[in-house]
Amino acid sequence: MFKRMEDMTKEIRERMRGGKGTIQLQHIFTQDELTGKCRLFARVTLEPGSSIGAHSHDREEEIYYIISGSGTVDDNGNIQTLRPGDAVITGNGAYHSIENTGTEDLVLMAVILLYD
């Protein structure tokens, strides 16, 4: 399947998972378009000062891959500064949150994989 950027579903969320500000999701492929065990495959943009609040991943894992910008992630109590090329994986009941602490948009790929 081939999909052009303009055909990808875009979504705006305010205070996502109890976070701050506006989050933009661009669903590269929706769950209905995927046959594998993937719940989310999206490009996520956090404006400066925005965040996705703390949430856990039971029976699944979420991967963040940082494309541009900078921010801070709390990965189950392990707080780290993120920059382009960094990756985080959270699952097996652990929690995480992410915040754009920079002056430009924080752009990342987010993938949620389901356990059997």
C-alpha atoms as a PDB file:
ATOM      1  CA  MET A   1       0.000   0.000   0.000  1.00  0.00           C
ATOM      2  CA  PHE A   2       1.237   3.478  -0.887  1.00  0.00           C
ATOM      3  CA  LYS A   3      -0.054   6.512   0.949  1.00  0.00           C
ATOM      4  CA  ARG A   4       0.676  10.173   0.295  1.00  0.00           C
ATOM      5  CA  MET A   5       1.169  12.574   3.176  1.00  0.00           C
ATOM      6  CA  GLU A   6      -1.956  14.553   2.274  1.00  0.00           C
ATOM      7  CA  ASP A   7      -4.024  11.355   2.589  1.00  0.00           C
ATOM      8  CA  MET A   8      -2.882  10.645   6.155  1.00  0.00           C
ATOM      9  CA  THR A   9      -5.364  11.328   8.939  1.00  0.00           C
ATOM     10  CA  LYS A  10      -4.427  14.308  11.109  1.00  0.00           C
ATOM     11  CA  GLU A  11      -5.667  14.807  14.633  1.00  0.00           C
ATOM     12  CA  ILE A  12      -5.260  17.618  17.186  1.00  0.00           C
ATOM     13  CA  ARG A  13      -5.450  16.812  20.897  1.00  0.00           C
ATOM     14  CA  GLU A  14      -5.520  19.278  23.752  1.00  0.00           C
ATOM     15  CA  ARG A  15      -3.895  18.300  27.073  1.00  0.00           C
ATOM     16  CA  MET A  16      -3.259  14.734  25.855  1.00  0.00           C
ATOM     17  CA  ARG A  17      -3.328  12.249  28.728  1.00  0.00           C
ATOM     18  CA  GLY A  18      -3.447  15.117  31.201  1.00  0.00           C
ATOM     19  CA  GLY A  19      -0.489  16.923  29.638  1.00  0.00           C
ATOM     20  CA  LYS A  20      -0.185  20.555  28.598  1.00  0.00           C
ATOM     21  CA  GLY A  21      -0.916  22.373  25.361  1.00  0.00           C
ATOM     22  CA  THR A  22      -1.628  21.077  21.881  1.00  0.00           C
ATOM     23  CA  ILE A  23      -0.401  17.808  20.353  1.00  0.00           C
ATOM     24  CA  GLN A  24      -0.683  17.046  16.636  1.00  0.00           C
ATOM     25  CA  LEU A  25      -0.855  13.436  15.451  1.00  0.00           C
ATOM     26  CA  GLN A  26      -0.423  12.450  11.828  1.00  0.00           C
ATOM     27  CA  HIS A  27      -1.481   8.819  11.516  1.00  0.00           C
ATOM     28  CA  ILE A  28       0.903   7.314   8.956  1.00  0.00           C
ATOM     29  CA  PHE A  29      -1.238   4.188   8.847  1.00  0.00           C
ATOM     30  CA  THR A  30      -4.325   3.621  10.996  1.00  0.00           C
ATOM     31  CA  GLN A  31      -4.851   0.460  13.005  1.00  0.00           C
ATOM     32  CA  ASP A  32      -7.463  -0.640  10.449  1.00  0.00           C
ATOM     33  CA  GLU A  33      -4.876  -0.374   7.652  1.00  0.00           C
ATOM     34  CA  LEU A  34      -2.328  -2.558   9.479  1.00  0.00           C
ATOM     35  CA  THR A  35      -2.537  -6.343   9.675  1.00  0.00           C
ATOM     36  CA  GLY A  36       0.203  -6.700  12.295  1.00  0.00           C
ATOM     37  CA  LYS A  37      -0.173  -6.153  16.022  1.00  0.00           C
ATOM     38  CA  CYS A  38       0.280  -2.398  15.940  1.00  0.00           C
ATOM     39  CA  ARG A  39      -2.169  -0.004  17.602  1.00  0.00           C
ATOM     40  CA  LEU A  40      -0.499   3.278  16.596  1.00  0.00           C
ATOM     41  CA  PHE A  41       1.984   4.390  13.934  1.00  0.00           C
ATOM     42  CA  ALA A  42       2.060   8.187  13.912  1.00  0.00           C
ATOM     43  CA  ARG A  43       4.190  11.272  13.583  1.00  0.00           C
ATOM     44  CA  VAL A  44       3.615  13.343  16.714  1.00  0.00           C
ATOM     45  CA  THR A  45       4.349  17.059  17.044  1.00  0.00           C
ATOM     46  CA  LEU A  46       4.490  18.798  20.420  1.00  0.00           C
ATOM     47  CA  GLU A  47       4.608  22.588  20.367  1.00  0.00           C
ATOM     48  CA  PRO A  48       7.063  24.284  22.781  1.00  0.00           C
ATOM     49  CA  GLY A  49       5.804  23.854  26.346  1.00  0.00           C
ATOM     50  CA  SER A  50       3.388  21.060  25.377  1.00  0.00           C
ATOM     51  CA  SER A  51       3.441  17.594  26.888  1.00  0.00           C
ATOM     52  CA  ILE A  52       1.816  14.171  26.889  1.00  0.00           C
ATOM     53  CA  GLY A  53       0.962  13.305  30.480  1.00  0.00           C
ATOM     54  CA  ALA A  54       2.077  10.202  32.354  1.00  0.00           C
ATOM     55  CA  HIS A  55       0.379   7.008  31.214  1.00  0.00           C
ATOM     56  CA  SER A  56       1.192   3.302  31.406  1.00  0.00           C
ATOM     57  CA  HIS A  57       1.368   0.593  28.765  1.00  0.00           C
ATOM     58  CA  ASP A  58      -0.088  -2.753  29.839  1.00  0.00           C
ATOM     59  CA  ARG A  59       0.044  -5.646  27.365  1.00  0.00           C
ATOM     60  CA  GLU A  60       1.749  -3.355  24.842  1.00  0.00           C
ATOM     61  CA  GLU A  61       4.843  -1.214  24.346  1.00  0.00           C
ATOM     62  CA  GLU A  62       5.295   2.245  22.892  1.00  0.00           C
ATOM     63  CA  ILE A  63       8.368   3.431  21.032  1.00  0.00           C
ATOM     64  CA  TYR A  64       9.270   7.101  20.584  1.00  0.00           C
ATOM     65  CA  TYR A  65      11.904   8.006  17.973  1.00  0.00           C
ATOM     66  CA  ILE A  66      12.914  11.669  18.052  1.00  0.00           C
ATOM     67  CA  ILE A  67      13.060  13.321  14.605  1.00  0.00           C
ATOM     68  CA  SER A  68      13.653  16.964  15.543  1.00  0.00           C
ATOM     69  CA  GLY A  69      13.535  19.316  18.499  1.00  0.00           C
ATOM     70  CA  SER A  70      14.333  18.522  22.113  1.00  0.00           C
ATOM     71  CA  GLY A  71      12.472  17.526  25.206  1.00  0.00           C
ATOM     72  CA  THR A  72      12.381  15.544  28.410  1.00  0.00           C
ATOM     73  CA  VAL A  73      10.975  12.073  28.918  1.00  0.00           C
ATOM     74  CA  ASP A  74      10.074  10.420  32.216  1.00  0.00           C
ATOM     75  CA  ASP A  75      10.385   6.703  31.466  1.00  0.00           C
ATOM     76  CA  ASN A  76       9.110   4.957  34.593  1.00  0.00           C
ATOM     77  CA  GLY A  77      11.057   7.388  36.812  1.00  0.00           C
ATOM     78  CA  ASN A  78      14.143   7.570  34.588  1.00  0.00           C
ATOM     79  CA  ILE A  79      14.185  11.214  33.432  1.00  0.00           C
ATOM     80  CA  GLN A  80      16.243  11.919  30.319  1.00  0.00           C
ATOM     81  CA  THR A  81      16.781  14.788  27.889  1.00  0.00           C
ATOM     82  CA  LEU A  82      15.969  13.794  24.308  1.00  0.00           C
ATOM     83  CA  ARG A  83      17.448  15.031  21.036  1.00  0.00           C
ATOM     84  CA  PRO A  84      17.143  13.915  17.391  1.00  0.00           C
ATOM     85  CA  GLY A  85      18.081  10.277  16.863  1.00  0.00           C
ATOM     86  CA  ASP A  86      17.245   9.211  20.441  1.00  0.00           C
ATOM     87  CA  ALA A  87      14.687   6.474  21.070  1.00  0.00           C
ATOM     88  CA  VAL A  88      12.647   5.338  24.071  1.00  0.00           C
ATOM     89  CA  ILE A  89      10.644   2.141  24.558  1.00  0.00           C
ATOM     90  CA  THR A  90       8.127   1.756  27.385  1.00  0.00           C
ATOM     91  CA  GLY A  91       6.000  -1.307  28.074  1.00  0.00           C
ATOM     92  CA  ASN A  92       5.225  -4.251  30.336  1.00  0.00           C
ATOM     93  CA  GLY A  93       3.149  -2.068  32.697  1.00  0.00           C
ATOM     94  CA  ALA A  94       5.680   0.792  32.915  1.00  0.00           C
ATOM     95  CA  TYR A  95       4.670   4.432  32.469  1.00  0.00           C
ATOM     96  CA  HIS A  96       6.086   7.410  30.618  1.00  0.00           C
ATOM     97  CA  SER A  97       5.450  11.064  29.814  1.00  0.00           C
ATOM     98  CA  ILE A  98       7.155  13.485  27.431  1.00  0.00           C
ATOM     99  CA  GLU A  99       7.460  17.271  27.335  1.00  0.00           C
ATOM    100  CA  ASN A 100       8.800  19.711  24.775  1.00  0.00           C
ATOM    101  CA  THR A 101      11.279  21.778  26.788  1.00  0.00           C
ATOM    102  CA  GLY A 102      12.822  23.401  23.703  1.00  0.00           C
ATOM    103  CA  THR A 103      12.027  26.481  21.656  1.00  0.00           C
ATOM    104  CA  GLU A 104      10.961  24.666  18.467  1.00  0.00           C
ATOM    105  CA  ASP A 105       8.490  21.859  17.784  1.00  0.00           C
ATOM    106  CA  LEU A 106       9.421  18.434  19.138  1.00  0.00           C
ATOM    107  CA  VAL A 107       8.664  15.922  16.357  1.00  0.00           C
ATOM    108  CA  LEU A 108       8.752  12.176  16.943  1.00  0.00           C
ATOM    109  CA  MET A 109       7.506   8.894  15.551  1.00  0.00           C
ATOM    110  CA  ALA A 110       5.308   6.944  17.950  1.00  0.00           C
ATOM    111  CA  VAL A 111       4.598   3.246  17.497  1.00  0.00           C
ATOM    112  CA  ILE A 112       2.488   1.125  19.854  1.00  0.00           C
ATOM    113  CA  LEU A 113       2.979  -2.632  19.481  1.00  0.00           C
ATOM    114  CA  LEU A 114       0.588  -5.094  21.123  1.00  0.00           C
ATOM    115  CA  TYR A 115       1.735  -8.172  22.998  1.00  0.00           C
ATOM    116  CA  ASP A 116       0.296 -11.561  22.071  1.00  0.00           C
END
